[in-house]
Amino acid sequence: MPRFIQYIDHICDTKQRDVLWLRFVPKNTRRRFPFPDGRNCPSRAAVIAFLLAEGIPFEECLPTRNACEGLIEGYFGDLYIDLPYNPADPTYLKLERFLEDESGCVKLPDTKFYRLAYQPPKP
């Protein structure tokens, strides 16, 4: 059944704030999208279990529109986390502690953690 999945930059524009985004890509691969159905990555499953257990909202997303320009591809497992970037927020800190070690590196293998900055439209 077809699904409607938003690009992460569209979500950023709609929310009018920076957004948090996860991508799952094995380090030792030459393939751009190694998890073709978006569900084969063990780290992705661990992240989803954590988000559900903590009540942190999330949804599937696509990479930025520019990254997909001219391509027709499917969904590869990216997740938008519906939580503002706020290092003073206890929920954000819980997420950060789950994903990153003390030096700020992502702990889970095959996982990239991004913050996409909001760019207000120019008048």
PDB file of N, CA and C in Angstrom:
ATOM      1  N   MET A   1       0.846  -1.181   0.000  1.00  0.00           N
ATOM      2  CA  MET A   1       0.000   0.000   0.000  1.00  0.00           C
ATOM      3  C   MET A   1       0.892   1.245   0.000  1.00  0.00           C
ATOM      4  N   PRO A   2       0.596   2.216  -0.830  1.00  0.00           N
ATOM      5  CA  PRO A   2       1.411   3.438  -0.872  1.00  0.00           C
ATOM      6  C   PRO A   2       1.326   4.217   0.437  1.00  0.00           C
ATOM      7  N   ARG A   3       2.447   4.831   0.786  1.00  0.00           N
ATOM      8  CA  ARG A   3       2.507   5.682   1.979  1.00  0.00           C
ATOM      9  C   ARG A   3       3.024   7.052   1.560  1.00  0.00           C
ATOM     10  N   PHE A   4       2.585   8.078   2.254  1.00  0.00           N
ATOM     11  CA  PHE A   4       3.071   9.430   2.013  1.00  0.00           C
ATOM     12  C   PHE A   4       4.092   9.751   3.088  1.00  0.00           C
ATOM     13  N   ILE A   5       5.340   9.928   2.684  1.00  0.00           N
ATOM     14  CA  ILE A   5       6.425  10.201   3.619  1.00  0.00           C
ATOM     15  C   ILE A   5       7.045  11.546   3.245  1.00  0.00           C
ATOM     16  N   GLN A   6       7.172  12.434   4.233  1.00  0.00           N
ATOM     17  CA  GLN A   6       7.695  13.780   3.999  1.00  0.00           C
ATOM     18  C   GLN A   6       9.219  13.787   3.942  1.00  0.00           C
ATOM     19  N   TYR A   7       9.755  14.719   3.157  1.00  0.00           N
ATOM     20  CA  TYR A   7      11.188  15.000   3.193  1.00  0.00           C
ATOM     21  C   TYR A   7      11.500  15.715   4.509  1.00  0.00           C
ATOM     22  N   ILE A   8      12.689  15.471   5.061  1.00  0.00           N
ATOM     23  CA  ILE A   8      13.046  16.075   6.342  1.00  0.00           C
ATOM     24  C   ILE A   8      13.085  17.601   6.256  1.00  0.00           C
ATOM     25  N   ASP A   9      13.493  18.163   5.133  1.00  0.00           N
ATOM     26  CA  ASP A   9      13.520  19.623   5.037  1.00  0.00           C
ATOM     27  C   ASP A   9      12.111  20.210   4.948  1.00  0.00           C
ATOM     28  N   HIS A  10      11.161  19.448   4.402  1.00  0.00           N
ATOM     29  CA  HIS A  10       9.766  19.898   4.408  1.00  0.00           C
ATOM     30  C   HIS A  10       9.235  19.920   5.847  1.00  0.00           C
ATOM     31  N   ILE A  11       9.576  18.901   6.624  1.00  0.00           N
ATOM     32  CA  ILE A  11       9.169  18.868   8.032  1.00  0.00           C
ATOM     33  C   ILE A  11       9.771  20.068   8.761  1.00  0.00           C
ATOM     34  N   CYS A  12      11.030  20.358   8.508  1.00  0.00           N
ATOM     35  CA  CYS A  12      11.718  21.498   9.121  1.00  0.00           C
ATOM     36  C   CYS A  12      10.995  22.806   8.779  1.00  0.00           C
ATOM     37  N   ASP A  13      10.635  22.985   7.514  1.00  0.00           N
ATOM     38  CA  ASP A  13       9.914  24.197   7.090  1.00  0.00           C
ATOM     39  C   ASP A  13       8.545  24.278   7.750  1.00  0.00           C
ATOM     40  N   THR A  14       7.855  23.155   7.851  1.00  0.00           N
ATOM     41  CA  THR A  14       6.521  23.134   8.454  1.00  0.00           C
ATOM     42  C   THR A  14       6.588  23.453   9.950  1.00  0.00           C
ATOM     43  N   LYS A  15       7.554  22.863  10.649  1.00  0.00           N
ATOM     44  CA  LYS A  15       7.707  23.091  12.091  1.00  0.00           C
ATOM     45  C   LYS A  15       8.290  24.474  12.390  1.00  0.00           C
ATOM     46  N   GLN A  16       8.987  25.053  11.425  1.00  0.00           N
ATOM     47  CA  GLN A  16       9.672  26.338  11.574  1.00  0.00           C
ATOM     48  C   GLN A  16      10.645  26.324  12.750  1.00  0.00           C
ATOM     49  N   ARG A  17      11.417  25.241  12.805  1.00  0.00           N
ATOM     50  CA  ARG A  17      12.457  25.086  13.821  1.00  0.00           C
ATOM     51  C   ARG A  17      13.440  24.026  13.342  1.00  0.00           C
ATOM     52  N   ASP A  18      14.596  23.969  14.014  1.00  0.00           N
ATOM     53  CA  ASP A  18      15.552  22.897  13.729  1.00  0.00           C
ATOM     54  C   ASP A  18      14.875  21.559  14.018  1.00  0.00           C
ATOM     55  N   VAL A  19      15.250  20.536  13.266  1.00  0.00           N
ATOM     56  CA  VAL A  19      14.658  19.213  13.476  1.00  0.00           C
ATOM     57  C   VAL A  19      15.753  18.160  13.642  1.00  0.00           C
ATOM     58  N   LEU A  20      15.403  17.088  14.348  1.00  0.00           N
ATOM     59  CA  LEU A  20      16.307  15.972  14.599  1.00  0.00           C
ATOM     60  C   LEU A  20      15.967  14.831  13.650  1.00  0.00           C
ATOM     61  N   TRP A  21      17.008  14.184  13.133  1.00  0.00           N
ATOM     62  CA  TRP A  21      16.825  13.211  12.061  1.00  0.00           C
ATOM     63  C   TRP A  21      17.866  12.113  12.207  1.00  0.00           C
ATOM     64  N   LEU A  22      17.434  10.881  12.046  1.00  0.00           N
ATOM     65  CA  LEU A  22      18.333   9.720  12.109  1.00  0.00           C
ATOM     66  C   LEU A  22      18.389   9.027  10.762  1.00  0.00           C
ATOM     67  N   ARG A  23      19.584   8.599  10.412  1.00  0.00           N
ATOM     68  CA  ARG A  23      19.800   7.833   9.178  1.00  0.00           C
ATOM     69  C   ARG A  23      20.607   6.601   9.561  1.00  0.00           C
ATOM     70  N   PHE A  24      20.339   5.500   8.904  1.00  0.00           N
ATOM     71  CA  PHE A  24      20.974   4.223   9.243  1.00  0.00           C
ATOM     72  C   PHE A  24      21.745   3.710   8.034  1.00  0.00           C
ATOM     73  N   VAL A  25      23.087   3.758   8.125  1.00  0.00           N
ATOM     74  CA  VAL A  25      23.953   3.401   7.005  1.00  0.00           C
ATOM     75  C   VAL A  25      25.163   2.641   7.538  1.00  0.00           C
ATOM     76  N   PRO A  26      25.343   1.384   7.137  1.00  0.00           N
ATOM     77  CA  PRO A  26      26.530   0.646   7.590  1.00  0.00           C
ATOM     78  C   PRO A  26      27.815   1.315   7.119  1.00  0.00           C
ATOM     79  N   LYS A  27      28.836   1.261   7.973  1.00  0.00           N
ATOM     80  CA  LYS A  27      30.120   1.898   7.650  1.00  0.00           C
ATOM     81  C   LYS A  27      30.849   1.186   6.514  1.00  0.00           C
ATOM     82  N   ASN A  28      30.790  -0.109   6.485  1.00  0.00           N
ATOM     83  CA  ASN A  28      31.586  -0.878   5.527  1.00  0.00           C
ATOM     84  C   ASN A  28      30.763  -1.308   4.326  1.00  0.00           C
ATOM     85  N   THR A  29      30.226  -0.332   3.625  1.00  0.00           N
ATOM     86  CA  THR A  29      29.460  -0.648   2.428  1.00  0.00           C
ATOM     87  C   THR A  29      29.673   0.433   1.392  1.00  0.00           C
ATOM     88  N   ARG A  30      29.591   0.056   0.159  1.00  0.00           N
ATOM     89  CA  ARG A  30      29.678   1.033  -0.922  1.00  0.00           C
ATOM     90  C   ARG A  30      28.298   1.433  -1.408  1.00  0.00           C
ATOM     91  N   ARG A  31      27.306   0.700  -0.975  1.00  0.00           N
ATOM     92  CA  ARG A  31      25.940   1.009  -1.383  1.00  0.00           C
ATOM     93  C   ARG A  31      25.439   2.235  -0.647  1.00  0.00           C
ATOM     94  N   ARG A  32      24.759   3.105  -1.347  1.00  0.00           N
ATOM     95  CA  ARG A  32      24.243   4.327  -0.740  1.00  0.00           C
ATOM     96  C   ARG A  32      23.130   4.022   0.255  1.00  0.00           C
ATOM     97  N   PHE A  33      22.263   3.058  -0.075  1.00  0.00           N
ATOM     98  CA  PHE A  33      21.131   2.716   0.779  1.00  0.00           C
ATOM     99  C   PHE A  33      21.146   1.214   1.020  1.00  0.00           C
ATOM    100  N   PRO A  34      21.888   0.773   2.030  1.00  0.00           N
ATOM    101  CA  PRO A  34      22.094  -0.652   2.235  1.00  0.00           C
ATOM    102  C   PRO A  34      20.938  -1.395   2.886  1.00  0.00           C
ATOM    103  N   PHE A  35      19.966  -0.699   3.453  1.00  0.00           N
ATOM    104  CA  PHE A  35      18.824  -1.359   4.059  1.00  0.00           C
ATOM    105  C   PHE A  35      17.609  -1.062   3.186  1.00  0.00           C
ATOM    106  N   PRO A  36      17.439  -1.786   2.080  1.00  0.00           N
ATOM    107  CA  PRO A  36      16.462  -1.391   1.075  1.00  0.00           C
ATOM    108  C   PRO A  36      15.027  -1.263   1.566  1.00  0.00           C
ATOM    109  N   ASP A  37      14.617  -2.011   2.554  1.00  0.00           N
ATOM    110  CA  ASP A  37      13.227  -1.846   2.987  1.00  0.00           C
ATOM    111  C   ASP A  37      13.132  -1.001   4.257  1.00  0.00           C
ATOM    112  N   GLY A  38      14.243  -0.477   4.739  1.00  0.00           N
ATOM    113  CA  GLY A  38      14.237   0.400   5.898  1.00  0.00           C
ATOM    114  C   GLY A  38      13.986  -0.287   7.221  1.00  0.00           C
ATOM    115  N   ARG A  39      13.935  -1.603   7.250  1.00  0.00           N
ATOM    116  CA  ARG A  39      13.595  -2.292   8.485  1.00  0.00           C
ATOM    117  C   ARG A  39      14.642  -3.327   8.915  1.00  0.00           C
ATOM    118  N   ASN A  40      15.707  -3.452   8.170  1.00  0.00           N
ATOM    119  CA  ASN A  40      16.690  -4.495   8.466  1.00  0.00           C
ATOM    120  C   ASN A  40      17.806  -4.072   9.399  1.00  0.00           C
ATOM    121  N   CYS A  41      17.849  -2.824   9.809  1.00  0.00           N
ATOM    122  CA  CYS A  41      18.951  -2.336  10.637  1.00  0.00           C
ATOM    123  C   CYS A  41      18.646  -2.562  12.119  1.00  0.00           C
ATOM    124  N   PRO A  42      19.463  -3.358  12.802  1.00  0.00           N
ATOM    125  CA  PRO A  42      19.230  -3.598  14.235  1.00  0.00           C
ATOM    126  C   PRO A  42      19.259  -2.312  15.072  1.00  0.00           C
ATOM    127  N   SER A  43      20.117  -1.369  14.724  1.00  0.00           N
ATOM    128  CA  SER A  43      20.170  -0.108  15.475  1.00  0.00           C
ATOM    129  C   SER A  43      18.869   0.670  15.318  1.00  0.00           C
ATOM    130  N   ARG A  44      18.279   0.619  14.143  1.00  0.00           N
ATOM    131  CA  ARG A  44      16.997   1.296  13.908  1.00  0.00           C
ATOM    132  C   ARG A  44      15.924   0.703  14.816  1.00  0.00           C
ATOM    133  N   ALA A  45      15.909  -0.615  14.916  1.00  0.00           N
ATOM    134  CA  ALA A  45      14.937  -1.277  15.790  1.00  0.00           C
ATOM    135  C   ALA A  45      15.148  -0.871  17.250  1.00  0.00           C
ATOM    136  N   ALA A  46      16.409  -0.756  17.668  1.00  0.00           N
ATOM    137  CA  ALA A  46      16.706  -0.344  19.047  1.00  0.00           C
ATOM    138  C   ALA A  46      16.258   1.097  19.297  1.00  0.00           C
ATOM    139  N   VAL A  47      16.470   1.967  18.318  1.00  0.00           N
ATOM    140  CA  VAL A  47      16.044   3.363  18.450  1.00  0.00           C
ATOM    141  C   VAL A  47      14.525   3.443  18.557  1.00  0.00           C
ATOM    142  N   ILE A  48      13.823   2.731  17.698  1.00  0.00           N
ATOM    143  CA  ILE A  48      12.357   2.760  17.724  1.00  0.00           C
ATOM    144  C   ILE A  48      11.838   2.234  19.064  1.00  0.00           C
ATOM    145  N   ALA A  49      12.425   1.164  19.569  1.00  0.00           N
ATOM    146  CA  ALA A  49      12.007   0.623  20.872  1.00  0.00           C
ATOM    147  C   ALA A  49      12.217   1.667  21.971  1.00  0.00           C
ATOM    148  N   PHE A  50      13.346   2.366  21.940  1.00  0.00           N
ATOM    149  CA  PHE A  50      13.619   3.409  22.930  1.00  0.00           C
ATOM    150  C   PHE A  50      12.597   4.541  22.813  1.00  0.00           C
ATOM    151  N   LEU A  51      12.360   5.033  21.607  1.00  0.00           N
ATOM    152  CA  LEU A  51      11.420   6.142  21.415  1.00  0.00           C
ATOM    153  C   LEU A  51      10.016   5.773  21.884  1.00  0.00           C
ATOM    154  N   LEU A  52       9.578   4.567  21.565  1.00  0.00           N
ATOM    155  CA  LEU A  52       8.258   4.114  22.009  1.00  0.00           C
ATOM    156  C   LEU A  52       8.199   4.000  23.534  1.00  0.00           C
ATOM    157  N   ALA A  53       9.237   3.441  24.136  1.00  0.00           N
ATOM    158  CA  ALA A  53       9.260   3.271  25.588  1.00  0.00           C
ATOM    159  C   ALA A  53       9.262   4.615  26.320  1.00  0.00           C
ATOM    160  N   GLU A  54       9.912   5.610  25.734  1.00  0.00           N
ATOM    161  CA  GLU A  54      10.013   6.929  26.361  1.00  0.00           C
ATOM    162  C   GLU A  54       8.880   7.869  25.956  1.00  0.00           C
ATOM    163  N   GLY A  55       8.031   7.427  25.041  1.00  0.00           N
ATOM    164  CA  GLY A  55       6.927   8.272  24.585  1.00  0.00           C
ATOM    165  C   GLY A  55       7.378   9.455  23.748  1.00  0.00           C
ATOM    166  N   ILE A  56       8.499   9.309  23.058  1.00  0.00           N
ATOM    167  CA  ILE A  56       9.019  10.379  22.197  1.00  0.00           C
ATOM    168  C   ILE A  56       8.444  10.172  20.798  1.00  0.00           C
ATOM    169  N   PRO A  57       7.698  11.159  20.287  1.00  0.00           N
ATOM    170  CA  PRO A  57       7.094  10.991  18.967  1.00  0.00           C
ATOM    171  C   PRO A  57       8.130  10.997  17.850  1.00  0.00           C
ATOM    172  N   PHE A  58       7.864  10.203  16.830  1.00  0.00           N
ATOM    173  CA  PHE A  58       8.747  10.132  15.666  1.00  0.00           C
ATOM    174  C   PHE A  58       7.910   9.713  14.470  1.00  0.00           C
ATOM    175  N   GLU A  59       8.479   9.893  13.289  1.00  0.00           N
ATOM    176  CA  GLU A  59       7.828   9.405  12.078  1.00  0.00           C
ATOM    177  C   GLU A  59       8.890   9.125  11.028  1.00  0.00           C
ATOM    178  N   GLU A  60       8.527   8.308  10.077  1.00  0.00           N
ATOM    179  CA  GLU A  60       9.421   8.027   8.968  1.00  0.00           C
ATOM    180  C   GLU A  60       9.581   9.296   8.144  1.00  0.00           C
ATOM    181  N   CYS A  61      10.764   9.471   7.580  1.00  0.00           N
ATOM    182  CA  CYS A  61      10.996  10.628   6.720  1.00  0.00           C
ATOM    183  C   CYS A  61      11.954  10.245   5.599  1.00  0.00           C
ATOM    184  N   LEU A  62      12.023  11.113   4.617  1.00  0.00           N
ATOM    185  CA  LEU A  62      12.982  10.965   3.529  1.00  0.00           C
ATOM    186  C   LEU A  62      14.100  11.966   3.750  1.00  0.00           C
ATOM    187  N   PRO A  63      15.263  11.746   3.107  1.00  0.00           N
ATOM    188  CA  PRO A  63      16.332  12.742   3.241  1.00  0.00           C
ATOM    189  C   PRO A  63      15.907  14.067   2.597  1.00  0.00           C
ATOM    190  N   THR A  64      16.782  15.026   2.577  1.00  0.00           N
ATOM    191  CA  THR A  64      16.430  16.329   2.011  1.00  0.00           C
ATOM    192  C   THR A  64      16.044  16.209   0.542  1.00  0.00           C
ATOM    193  N   ARG A  65      15.213  17.131   0.104  1.00  0.00           N
ATOM    194  CA  ARG A  65      14.771  17.123  -1.295  1.00  0.00           C
ATOM    195  C   ARG A  65      15.958  17.190  -2.242  1.00  0.00           C
ATOM    196  N   ASN A  66      16.976  17.979  -1.898  1.00  0.00           N
ATOM    197  CA  ASN A  66      18.153  18.102  -2.769  1.00  0.00           C
ATOM    198  C   ASN A  66      18.890  16.775  -2.913  1.00  0.00           C
ATOM    199  N   ALA A  67      18.917  15.990  -1.852  1.00  0.00           N
ATOM    200  CA  ALA A  67      19.601  14.697  -1.904  1.00  0.00           C
ATOM    201  C   ALA A  67      18.889  13.729  -2.839  1.00  0.00           C
ATOM    202  N   CYS A  68      17.602  13.936  -3.049  1.00  0.00           N
ATOM    203  CA  CYS A  68      16.811  13.018  -3.871  1.00  0.00           C
ATOM    204  C   CYS A  68      16.472  13.591  -5.240  1.00  0.00           C
ATOM    205  N   GLU A  69      16.946  14.784  -5.539  1.00  0.00           N
ATOM    206  CA  GLU A  69      16.583  15.441  -6.787  1.00  0.00           C
ATOM    207  C   GLU A  69      16.942  14.566  -7.987  1.00  0.00           C
ATOM    208  N   GLY A  70      15.974  14.344  -8.830  1.00  0.00           N
ATOM    209  CA  GLY A  70      16.186  13.553 -10.025  1.00  0.00           C
ATOM    210  C   GLY A  70      16.173  12.055  -9.805  1.00  0.00           C
ATOM    211  N   LEU A  71      15.920  11.619  -8.579  1.00  0.00           N
ATOM    212  CA  LEU A  71      15.906  10.195  -8.270  1.00  0.00           C
ATOM    213  C   LEU A  71      14.501   9.736  -7.905  1.00  0.00           C
ATOM    214  N   ILE A  72      14.183   8.542  -8.277  1.00  0.00           N
ATOM    215  CA  ILE A  72      12.943   7.923  -7.834  1.00  0.00           C
ATOM    216  C   ILE A  72      13.365   6.713  -7.013  1.00  0.00           C
ATOM    217  N   GLU A  73      13.217   6.833  -5.716  1.00  0.00           N
ATOM    218  CA  GLU A  73      13.656   5.778  -4.819  1.00  0.00           C
ATOM    219  C   GLU A  73      12.621   5.564  -3.742  1.00  0.00           C
ATOM    220  N   GLY A  74      12.766   4.484  -3.027  1.00  0.00           N
ATOM    221  CA  GLY A  74      11.838   4.168  -1.954  1.00  0.00           C
ATOM    222  C   GLY A  74      12.302   4.705  -0.619  1.00  0.00           C
ATOM    223  N   TYR A  75      11.661   4.227   0.411  1.00  0.00           N
ATOM    224  CA  TYR A  75      11.974   4.618   1.785  1.00  0.00           C
ATOM    225  C   TYR A  75      13.080   3.722   2.322  1.00  0.00           C
ATOM    226  N   PHE A  76      14.066   4.321   2.993  1.00  0.00           N
ATOM    227  CA  PHE A  76      15.216   3.556   3.448  1.00  0.00           C
ATOM    228  C   PHE A  76      15.445   3.563   4.946  1.00  0.00           C
ATOM    229  N   GLY A  77      14.449   3.972   5.718  1.00  0.00           N
ATOM    230  CA  GLY A  77      14.555   3.829   7.162  1.00  0.00           C
ATOM    231  C   GLY A  77      14.825   5.086   7.954  1.00  0.00           C
ATOM    232  N   ASP A  78      14.989   6.237   7.306  1.00  0.00           N
ATOM    233  CA  ASP A  78      15.256   7.480   8.038  1.00  0.00           C
ATOM    234  C   ASP A  78      14.098   7.796   8.978  1.00  0.00           C
ATOM    235  N   LEU A  79      14.430   8.408  10.127  1.00  0.00           N
ATOM    236  CA  LEU A  79      13.421   8.762  11.114  1.00  0.00           C
ATOM    237  C   LEU A  79      13.551  10.229  11.513  1.00  0.00           C
ATOM    238  N   TYR A  80      12.428  10.920  11.543  1.00  0.00           N
ATOM    239  CA  TYR A  80      12.345  12.263  12.115  1.00  0.00           C
ATOM    240  C   TYR A  80      11.906  12.092  13.562  1.00  0.00           C
ATOM    241  N   ILE A  81      12.609  12.753  14.481  1.00  0.00           N
ATOM    242  CA  ILE A  81      12.236  12.707  15.895  1.00  0.00           C
ATOM    243  C   ILE A  81      11.570  14.034  16.232  1.00  0.00           C
ATOM    244  N   ASP A  82      10.311  13.980  16.617  1.00  0.00           N
ATOM    245  CA  ASP A  82       9.516  15.191  16.845  1.00  0.00           C
ATOM    246  C   ASP A  82       9.783  15.750  18.243  1.00  0.00           C
ATOM    247  N   LEU A  83      10.985  16.275  18.374  1.00  0.00           N
ATOM    248  CA  LEU A  83      11.455  16.816  19.638  1.00  0.00           C
ATOM    249  C   LEU A  83      12.359  17.989  19.294  1.00  0.00           C
ATOM    250  N   PRO A  84      12.102  19.180  19.827  1.00  0.00           N
ATOM    251  CA  PRO A  84      12.980  20.305  19.508  1.00  0.00           C
ATOM    252  C   PRO A  84      14.401  20.072  20.027  1.00  0.00           C
ATOM    253  N   TYR A  85      15.367  20.587  19.293  1.00  0.00           N
ATOM    254  CA  TYR A  85      16.743  20.559  19.775  1.00  0.00           C
ATOM    255  C   TYR A  85      16.838  21.562  20.915  1.00  0.00           C
ATOM    256  N   ASN A  86      17.020  21.048  22.122  1.00  0.00           N
ATOM    257  CA  ASN A  86      17.096  21.907  23.301  1.00  0.00           C
ATOM    258  C   ASN A  86      17.901  21.181  24.379  1.00  0.00           C
ATOM    259  N   PRO A  87      19.203  21.463  24.471  1.00  0.00           N
ATOM    260  CA  PRO A  87      20.047  20.778  25.452  1.00  0.00           C
ATOM    261  C   PRO A  87      19.631  20.981  26.907  1.00  0.00           C
ATOM    262  N   ALA A  88      18.692  21.901  27.167  1.00  0.00           N
ATOM    263  CA  ALA A  88      18.206  22.101  28.537  1.00  0.00           C
ATOM    264  C   ALA A  88      16.957  21.271  28.830  1.00  0.00           C
ATOM    265  N   ASP A  89      16.381  20.655  27.797  1.00  0.00           N
ATOM    266  CA  ASP A  89      15.152  19.879  27.960  1.00  0.00           C
ATOM    267  C   ASP A  89      15.485  18.456  28.426  1.00  0.00           C
ATOM    268  N   PRO A  90      14.873  17.983  29.525  1.00  0.00           N
ATOM    269  CA  PRO A  90      15.182  16.638  30.033  1.00  0.00           C
ATOM    270  C   PRO A  90      14.900  15.519  29.021  1.00  0.00           C
ATOM    271  N   THR A  91      13.858  15.666  28.227  1.00  0.00           N
ATOM    272  CA  THR A  91      13.553  14.622  27.237  1.00  0.00           C
ATOM    273  C   THR A  91      14.612  14.592  26.142  1.00  0.00           C
ATOM    274  N   TYR A  92      15.025  15.771  25.691  1.00  0.00           N
ATOM    275  CA  TYR A  92      16.099  15.817  24.693  1.00  0.00           C
ATOM    276  C   TYR A  92      17.377  15.199  25.273  1.00  0.00           C
ATOM    277  N   LEU A  93      17.704  15.528  26.510  1.00  0.00           N
ATOM    278  CA  LEU A  93      18.914  14.984  27.132  1.00  0.00           C
ATOM    279  C   LEU A  93      18.862  13.466  27.251  1.00  0.00           C
ATOM    280  N   LYS A  94      17.682  12.930  27.530  1.00  0.00           N
ATOM    281  CA  LYS A  94      17.512  11.476  27.597  1.00  0.00           C
ATOM    282  C   LYS A  94      17.810  10.852  26.228  1.00  0.00           C
ATOM    283  N   LEU A  95      17.293  11.472  25.175  1.00  0.00           N
ATOM    284  CA  LEU A  95      17.552  11.004  23.812  1.00  0.00           C
ATOM    285  C   LEU A  95      19.044  11.094  23.497  1.00  0.00           C
ATOM    286  N   GLU A  96      19.636  12.221  23.809  1.00  0.00           N
ATOM    287  CA  GLU A  96      21.056  12.415  23.527  1.00  0.00           C
ATOM    288  C   GLU A  96      21.915  11.382  24.261  1.00  0.00           C
ATOM    289  N   ARG A  97      21.596  11.113  25.527  1.00  0.00           N
ATOM    290  CA  ARG A  97      22.349  10.109  26.296  1.00  0.00           C
ATOM    291  C   ARG A  97      22.185   8.705  25.707  1.00  0.00           C
ATOM    292  N   PHE A  98      21.002   8.422  25.162  1.00  0.00           N
ATOM    293  CA  PHE A  98      20.785   7.114  24.537  1.00  0.00           C
ATOM    294  C   PHE A  98      21.618   6.988  23.254  1.00  0.00           C
ATOM    295  N   LEU A  99      21.670   8.059  22.471  1.00  0.00           N
ATOM    296  CA  LEU A  99      22.323   7.994  21.157  1.00  0.00           C
ATOM    297  C   LEU A  99      23.822   8.240  21.183  1.00  0.00           C
ATOM    298  N   GLU A 100      24.282   9.123  22.076  1.00  0.00           N
ATOM    299  CA  GLU A 100      25.681   9.558  22.026  1.00  0.00           C
ATOM    300  C   GLU A 100      26.461   9.182  23.284  1.00  0.00           C
ATOM    301  N   ASP A 101      27.768   9.006  23.095  1.00  0.00           N
ATOM    302  CA  ASP A 101      28.633   8.787  24.253  1.00  0.00           C
ATOM    303  C   ASP A 101      29.066  10.147  24.818  1.00  0.00           C
ATOM    304  N   GLU A 102      29.941  10.137  25.817  1.00  0.00           N
ATOM    305  CA  GLU A 102      30.358  11.368  26.495  1.00  0.00           C
ATOM    306  C   GLU A 102      31.059  12.347  25.565  1.00  0.00           C
ATOM    307  N   SER A 103      31.689  11.832  24.506  1.00  0.00           N
ATOM    308  CA  SER A 103      32.416  12.719  23.586  1.00  0.00           C
ATOM    309  C   SER A 103      31.539  13.218  22.435  1.00  0.00           C
ATOM    310  N   GLY A 104      30.260  12.826  22.424  1.00  0.00           N
ATOM    311  CA  GLY A 104      29.351  13.293  21.373  1.00  0.00           C
ATOM    312  C   GLY A 104      29.295  12.399  20.147  1.00  0.00           C
ATOM    313  N   CYS A 105      29.944  11.249  20.195  1.00  0.00           N
ATOM    314  CA  CYS A 105      29.894  10.302  19.073  1.00  0.00           C
ATOM    315  C   CYS A 105      28.697   9.377  19.238  1.00  0.00           C
ATOM    316  N   VAL A 106      28.078   9.012  18.134  1.00  0.00           N
ATOM    317  CA  VAL A 106      26.918   8.117  18.180  1.00  0.00           C
ATOM    318  C   VAL A 106      27.376   6.730  18.613  1.00  0.00           C
ATOM    319  N   LYS A 107      26.680   6.173  19.607  1.00  0.00           N
ATOM    320  CA  LYS A 107      27.035   4.872  20.175  1.00  0.00           C
ATOM    321  C   LYS A 107      26.570   3.701  19.322  1.00  0.00           C
ATOM    322  N   LEU A 108      25.435   3.853  18.671  1.00  0.00           N
ATOM    323  CA  LEU A 108      24.856   2.730  17.932  1.00  0.00           C
ATOM    324  C   LEU A 108      25.539   2.569  16.578  1.00  0.00           C
ATOM    325  N   PRO A 109      25.896   1.343  16.231  1.00  0.00           N
ATOM    326  CA  PRO A 109      26.527   1.146  14.927  1.00  0.00           C
ATOM    327  C   PRO A 109      25.546   1.479  13.798  1.00  0.00           C
ATOM    328  N   ASP A 110      26.109   1.914  12.693  1.00  0.00           N
ATOM    329  CA  ASP A 110      25.336   2.169  11.470  1.00  0.00           C
ATOM    330  C   ASP A 110      24.333   3.312  11.613  1.00  0.00           C
ATOM    331  N   THR A 111      24.521   4.198  12.593  1.00  0.00           N
ATOM    332  CA  THR A 111      23.548   5.248  12.876  1.00  0.00           C
ATOM    333  C   THR A 111      24.185   6.625  12.759  1.00  0.00           C
ATOM    334  N   LYS A 112      23.505   7.516  12.076  1.00  0.00           N
ATOM    335  CA  LYS A 112      23.899   8.925  11.972  1.00  0.00           C
ATOM    336  C   LYS A 112      22.797   9.755  12.611  1.00  0.00           C
ATOM    337  N   PHE A 113      23.185  10.719  13.452  1.00  0.00           N
ATOM    338  CA  PHE A 113      22.245  11.576  14.168  1.00  0.00           C
ATOM    339  C   PHE A 113      22.487  13.005  13.695  1.00  0.00           C
ATOM    340  N   TYR A 114      21.460  13.603  13.107  1.00  0.00           N
ATOM    341  CA  TYR A 114      21.598  14.938  12.529  1.00  0.00           C
ATOM    342  C   TYR A 114      20.630  15.934  13.168  1.00  0.00           C
ATOM    343  N   ARG A 115      21.031  17.170  13.130  1.00  0.00           N
ATOM    344  CA  ARG A 115      20.137  18.297  13.416  1.00  0.00           C
ATOM    345  C   ARG A 115      20.127  19.150  12.161  1.00  0.00           C
ATOM    346  N   LEU A 116      18.970  19.256  11.529  1.00  0.00           N
ATOM    347  CA  LEU A 116      18.829  20.079  10.334  1.00  0.00           C
ATOM    348  C   LEU A 116      18.377  21.463  10.776  1.00  0.00           C
ATOM    349  N   ALA A 117      19.176  22.475  10.470  1.00  0.00           N
ATOM    350  CA  ALA A 117      18.878  23.845  10.901  1.00  0.00           C
ATOM    351  C   ALA A 117      17.765  24.450  10.055  1.00  0.00           C
ATOM    352  N   TYR A 118      16.852  25.129  10.723  1.00  0.00           N
ATOM    353  CA  TYR A 118      15.767  25.821  10.047  1.00  0.00           C
ATOM    354  C   TYR A 118      16.302  27.093   9.390  1.00  0.00           C
ATOM    355  N   GLN A 119      15.959  27.273   8.140  1.00  0.00           N
ATOM    356  CA  GLN A 119      16.313  28.472   7.380  1.00  0.00           C
ATOM    357  C   GLN A 119      15.031  29.213   7.030  1.00  0.00           C
ATOM    358  N   PRO A 120      14.715  30.295   7.742  1.00  0.00           N
ATOM    359  CA  PRO A 120      13.471  31.020   7.423  1.00  0.00           C
ATOM    360  C   PRO A 120      13.527  31.528   5.983  1.00  0.00           C
ATOM    361  N   PRO A 121      12.368  31.574   5.323  1.00  0.00           N
ATOM    362  CA  PRO A 121      12.354  32.086   3.954  1.00  0.00           C
ATOM    363  C   PRO A 121      12.787  33.546   3.913  1.00  0.00           C
ATOM    364  N   LYS A 122      13.489  33.899   2.852  1.00  0.00           N
ATOM    365  CA  LYS A 122      13.923  35.281   2.697  1.00  0.00           C
ATOM    366  C   LYS A 122      12.751  36.113   2.178  1.00  0.00           C
ATOM    367  N   PRO A 123      12.589  37.337   2.737  1.00  0.00           N
ATOM    368  CA  PRO A 123      11.441  38.176   2.311  1.00  0.00           C
ATOM    369  C   PRO A 123      11.570  38.642   0.874  1.00  0.00           C
TER     370      PRO A 123
END
